[in-house]
Amino acid sequence: FQFSKTKTKTNFLLLPLASCLLPLSSCLLPLASCLLPLASCLLPLASCLLPY
């Protein structure tokens, strides 16, 4: 019984955290999709500059 009680307490604490992180992730997602092509563009450049 005590275990389930602490579990609900943890869920109660995680819920606001998740609701706070969700908009943040939805904001970071377009940013990541914007940075991904940039990274794929910079990667060959870096591998080209590496031998020098």
PDB file of N, CA and C in Angstrom:
ATOM      1  N   PHE A   1       0.832  -1.216   0.000  1.00  0.00           N
ATOM      2  CA  PHE A   1       0.000   0.000   0.000  1.00  0.00           C
ATOM      3  C   PHE A   1       0.865   1.264   0.000  1.00  0.00           C
ATOM      4  N   GLN A   2       1.918   1.210   0.782  1.00  0.00           N
ATOM      5  CA  GLN A   2       2.810   2.365   0.891  1.00  0.00           C
ATOM      6  C   GLN A   2       3.504   2.650  -0.444  1.00  0.00           C
ATOM      7  N   PHE A   3       3.821   1.578  -1.164  1.00  0.00           N
ATOM      8  CA  PHE A   3       4.512   1.731  -2.446  1.00  0.00           C
ATOM      9  C   PHE A   3       3.651   2.482  -3.461  1.00  0.00           C
ATOM     10  N   SER A   4       2.376   2.089  -3.545  1.00  0.00           N
ATOM     11  CA  SER A   4       1.462   2.738  -4.492  1.00  0.00           C
ATOM     12  C   SER A   4       1.237   4.196  -4.113  1.00  0.00           C
ATOM     13  N   LYS A   5       1.298   4.466  -2.807  1.00  0.00           N
ATOM     14  CA  LYS A   5       1.102   5.831  -2.333  1.00  0.00           C
ATOM     15  C   LYS A   5       2.251   6.729  -2.801  1.00  0.00           C
ATOM     16  N   THR A   6       3.470   6.230  -2.668  1.00  0.00           N
ATOM     17  CA  THR A   6       4.630   7.011  -3.098  1.00  0.00           C
ATOM     18  C   THR A   6       4.657   7.129  -4.619  1.00  0.00           C
ATOM     19  N   LYS A   7       4.156   6.104  -5.282  1.00  0.00           N
ATOM     20  CA  LYS A   7       4.111   6.124  -6.746  1.00  0.00           C
ATOM     21  C   LYS A   7       3.186   7.233  -7.243  1.00  0.00           C
ATOM     22  N   THR A   8       2.032   7.363  -6.593  1.00  0.00           N
ATOM     23  CA  THR A   8       1.094   8.424  -6.978  1.00  0.00           C
ATOM     24  C   THR A   8       1.698   9.788  -6.692  1.00  0.00           C
ATOM     25  N   LYS A   9       2.472   9.867  -5.622  1.00  0.00           N
ATOM     26  CA  LYS A   9       3.114  11.124  -5.263  1.00  0.00           C
ATOM     27  C   LYS A   9       4.120  11.518  -6.342  1.00  0.00           C
ATOM     28  N   THR A  10       4.861  10.524  -6.831  1.00  0.00           N
ATOM     29  CA  THR A  10       5.838  10.776  -7.887  1.00  0.00           C
ATOM     30  C   THR A  10       5.143  11.209  -9.169  1.00  0.00           C
ATOM     31  N   ASN A  11       4.049  10.536  -9.506  1.00  0.00           N
ATOM     32  CA  ASN A  11       3.270  10.899 -10.693  1.00  0.00           C
ATOM     33  C   ASN A  11       2.734  12.317 -10.586  1.00  0.00           C
ATOM     34  N   PHE A  12       2.323  12.675  -9.378  1.00  0.00           N
ATOM     35  CA  PHE A  12       1.782  14.013  -9.123  1.00  0.00           C
ATOM     36  C   PHE A  12       2.861  15.070  -9.320  1.00  0.00           C
ATOM     37  N   LEU A  13       4.111  14.699  -9.024  1.00  0.00           N
ATOM     38  CA  LEU A  13       5.226  15.623  -9.201  1.00  0.00           C
ATOM     39  C   LEU A  13       5.680  15.675 -10.657  1.00  0.00           C
ATOM     40  N   LEU A  14       5.590  14.543 -11.340  1.00  0.00           N
ATOM     41  CA  LEU A  14       6.051  14.463 -12.724  1.00  0.00           C
ATOM     42  C   LEU A  14       5.100  15.129 -13.708  1.00  0.00           C
ATOM     43  N   LEU A  15       3.834  15.166 -13.357  1.00  0.00           N
ATOM     44  CA  LEU A  15       2.833  15.733 -14.255  1.00  0.00           C
ATOM     45  C   LEU A  15       3.077  17.205 -14.591  1.00  0.00           C
ATOM     46  N   PRO A  16       3.299  18.077 -13.590  1.00  0.00           N
ATOM     47  CA  PRO A  16       3.589  19.478 -13.931  1.00  0.00           C
ATOM     48  C   PRO A  16       4.888  19.619 -14.717  1.00  0.00           C
ATOM     49  N   LEU A  17       5.849  18.773 -14.384  1.00  0.00           N
ATOM     50  CA  LEU A  17       7.132  18.796 -15.079  1.00  0.00           C
ATOM     51  C   LEU A  17       6.954  18.444 -16.546  1.00  0.00           C
ATOM     52  N   ALA A  18       6.152  17.421 -16.814  1.00  0.00           N
ATOM     53  CA  ALA A  18       5.888  17.006 -18.185  1.00  0.00           C
ATOM     54  C   ALA A  18       5.126  18.083 -18.949  1.00  0.00           C
ATOM     55  N   SER A  19       4.158  18.688 -18.282  1.00  0.00           N
ATOM     56  CA  SER A  19       3.357  19.739 -18.920  1.00  0.00           C
ATOM     57  C   SER A  19       4.195  20.985 -19.174  1.00  0.00           C
ATOM     58  N   CYS A  20       5.307  21.089 -18.452  1.00  0.00           N
ATOM     59  CA  CYS A  20       6.215  22.211 -18.653  1.00  0.00           C
ATOM     60  C   CYS A  20       7.188  21.895 -19.780  1.00  0.00           C
ATOM     61  N   LEU A  21       7.607  20.636 -19.871  1.00  0.00           N
ATOM     62  CA  LEU A  21       8.582  20.227 -20.872  1.00  0.00           C
ATOM     63  C   LEU A  21       7.970  20.032 -22.250  1.00  0.00           C
ATOM     64  N   LEU A  22       6.683  19.718 -22.288  1.00  0.00           N
ATOM     65  CA  LEU A  22       6.025  19.463 -23.563  1.00  0.00           C
ATOM     66  C   LEU A  22       6.061  20.652 -24.516  1.00  0.00           C
ATOM     67  N   PRO A  23       5.665  21.861 -24.074  1.00  0.00           N
ATOM     68  CA  PRO A  23       5.771  23.015 -24.979  1.00  0.00           C
ATOM     69  C   PRO A  23       7.213  23.308 -25.360  1.00  0.00           C
ATOM     70  N   LEU A  24       8.121  23.055 -24.418  1.00  0.00           N
ATOM     71  CA  LEU A  24       9.533  23.285 -24.674  1.00  0.00           C
ATOM     72  C   LEU A  24      10.036  22.368 -25.782  1.00  0.00           C
ATOM     73  N   SER A  25       9.624  21.090 -25.731  1.00  0.00           N
ATOM     74  CA  SER A  25      10.043  20.141 -26.754  1.00  0.00           C
ATOM     75  C   SER A  25       9.428  20.481 -28.107  1.00  0.00           C
ATOM     76  N   SER A  26       8.192  20.961 -28.088  1.00  0.00           N
ATOM     77  CA  SER A  26       7.527  21.349 -29.335  1.00  0.00           C
ATOM     78  C   SER A  26       8.163  22.601 -29.922  1.00  0.00           C
ATOM     79  N   CYS A  27       8.881  23.330 -29.070  1.00  0.00           N
ATOM     80  CA  CYS A  27       9.587  24.513 -29.534  1.00  0.00           C
ATOM     81  C   CYS A  27      10.958  24.117 -30.058  1.00  0.00           C
ATOM     82  N   LEU A  28      11.562  23.108 -29.418  1.00  0.00           N
ATOM     83  CA  LEU A  28      12.898  22.661 -29.804  1.00  0.00           C
ATOM     84  C   LEU A  28      12.885  21.798 -31.059  1.00  0.00           C
ATOM     85  N   LEU A  29      11.741  21.159 -31.326  1.00  0.00           N
ATOM     86  CA  LEU A  29      11.653  20.272 -32.478  1.00  0.00           C
ATOM     87  C   LEU A  29      11.910  20.978 -33.807  1.00  0.00           C
ATOM     88  N   PRO A  30      11.247  22.117 -34.082  1.00  0.00           N
ATOM     89  CA  PRO A  30      11.550  22.835 -35.328  1.00  0.00           C
ATOM     90  C   PRO A  30      12.994  23.314 -35.375  1.00  0.00           C
ATOM     91  N   LEU A  31      13.515  23.688 -34.201  1.00  0.00           N
ATOM     92  CA  LEU A  31      14.897  24.132 -34.114  1.00  0.00           C
ATOM     93  C   LEU A  31      15.844  23.008 -34.504  1.00  0.00           C
ATOM     94  N   ALA A  32      15.543  21.799 -34.021  1.00  0.00           N
ATOM     95  CA  ALA A  32      16.360  20.641 -34.348  1.00  0.00           C
ATOM     96  C   ALA A  32      16.262  20.309 -35.834  1.00  0.00           C
ATOM     97  N   SER A  33      15.067  20.392 -36.382  1.00  0.00           N
ATOM     98  CA  SER A  33      14.862  20.106 -37.802  1.00  0.00           C
ATOM     99  C   SER A  33      15.520  21.163 -38.675  1.00  0.00           C
ATOM    100  N   CYS A  34      15.796  22.318 -38.078  1.00  0.00           N
ATOM    101  CA  CYS A  34      16.482  23.378 -38.800  1.00  0.00           C
ATOM    102  C   CYS A  34      17.986  23.165 -38.715  1.00  0.00           C
ATOM    103  N   LEU A  35      18.447  22.683 -37.566  1.00  0.00           N
ATOM    104  CA  LEU A  35      19.876  22.475 -37.344  1.00  0.00           C
ATOM    105  C   LEU A  35      20.391  21.203 -38.005  1.00  0.00           C
ATOM    106  N   LEU A  36      19.491  20.241 -38.224  1.00  0.00           N
ATOM    107  CA  LEU A  36      19.901  18.967 -38.800  1.00  0.00           C
ATOM    108  C   LEU A  36      20.509  19.103 -40.194  1.00  0.00           C
ATOM    109  N   PRO A  37      19.850  19.808 -41.130  1.00  0.00           N
ATOM    110  CA  PRO A  37      20.473  19.995 -42.450  1.00  0.00           C
ATOM    111  C   PRO A  37      21.778  20.770 -42.363  1.00  0.00           C
ATOM    112  N   LEU A  38      21.819  21.719 -41.429  1.00  0.00           N
ATOM    113  CA  LEU A  38      23.023  22.503 -41.225  1.00  0.00           C
ATOM    114  C   LEU A  38      24.175  21.609 -40.785  1.00  0.00           C
ATOM    115  N   ALA A  39      23.873  20.683 -39.879  1.00  0.00           N
ATOM    116  CA  ALA A  39      24.883  19.749 -39.397  1.00  0.00           C
ATOM    117  C   ALA A  39      25.335  18.821 -40.523  1.00  0.00           C
ATOM    118  N   SER A  40      24.400  18.356 -41.325  1.00  0.00           N
ATOM    119  CA  SER A  40      24.726  17.466 -42.436  1.00  0.00           C
ATOM    120  C   SER A  40      25.509  18.201 -43.513  1.00  0.00           C
ATOM    121  N   CYS A  41      25.428  19.522 -43.494  1.00  0.00           N
ATOM    122  CA  CYS A  41      26.185  20.333 -44.435  1.00  0.00           C
ATOM    123  C   CYS A  41      27.586  20.586 -43.888  1.00  0.00           C
ATOM    124  N   LEU A  42      27.666  20.777 -42.578  1.00  0.00           N
ATOM    125  CA  LEU A  42      28.946  21.062 -41.944  1.00  0.00           C
ATOM    126  C   LEU A  42      29.804  19.817 -41.765  1.00  0.00           C
ATOM    127  N   LEU A  43      29.172  18.665 -41.698  1.00  0.00           N
ATOM    128  CA  LEU A  43      29.902  17.425 -41.475  1.00  0.00           C
ATOM    129  C   LEU A  43      30.914  17.114 -42.577  1.00  0.00           C
ATOM    130  N   PRO A  44      30.521  17.160 -43.868  1.00  0.00           N
ATOM    131  CA  PRO A  44      31.513  16.919 -44.928  1.00  0.00           C
ATOM    132  C   PRO A  44      32.611  17.977 -44.933  1.00  0.00           C
ATOM    133  N   LEU A  45      32.230  19.202 -44.596  1.00  0.00           N
ATOM    134  CA  LEU A  45      33.188  20.291 -44.528  1.00  0.00           C
ATOM    135  C   LEU A  45      34.233  20.014 -43.455  1.00  0.00           C
ATOM    136  N   ALA A  46      33.772  19.536 -42.310  1.00  0.00           N
ATOM    137  CA  ALA A  46      34.676  19.206 -41.212  1.00  0.00           C
ATOM    138  C   ALA A  46      35.577  18.040 -41.586  1.00  0.00           C
ATOM    139  N   SER A  47      35.020  17.037 -42.241  1.00  0.00           N
ATOM    140  CA  SER A  47      35.805  15.870 -42.646  1.00  0.00           C
ATOM    141  C   SER A  47      36.786  16.239 -43.753  1.00  0.00           C
ATOM    142  N   CYS A  48      36.508  17.344 -44.429  1.00  0.00           N
ATOM    143  CA  CYS A  48      37.405  17.821 -45.473  1.00  0.00           C
ATOM    144  C   CYS A  48      38.545  18.614 -44.851  1.00  0.00           C
ATOM    145  N   LEU A  49      38.234  19.353 -43.802  1.00  0.00           N
ATOM    146  CA  LEU A  49      39.232  20.178 -43.132  1.00  0.00           C
ATOM    147  C   LEU A  49      40.091  19.386 -42.150  1.00  0.00           C
ATOM    148  N   LEU A  50      39.598  18.237 -41.732  1.00  0.00           N
ATOM    149  CA  LEU A  50      40.288  17.447 -40.718  1.00  0.00           C
ATOM    150  C   LEU A  50      41.715  17.043 -41.097  1.00  0.00           C
ATOM    151  N   PRO A  51      41.954  16.559 -42.331  1.00  0.00           N
ATOM    152  CA  PRO A  51      43.333  16.142 -42.655  1.00  0.00           C
ATOM    153  C   PRO A  51      44.355  17.278 -42.566  1.00  0.00           C
ATOM    154  N   TYR A  52      43.910  18.533 -42.698  1.00  0.00           N
ATOM    155  CA  TYR A  52      44.861  19.642 -42.692  1.00  0.00           C
ATOM    156  C   TYR A  52      45.160  20.177 -41.297  1.00  0.00           C
TER     157      TYR A  52
END
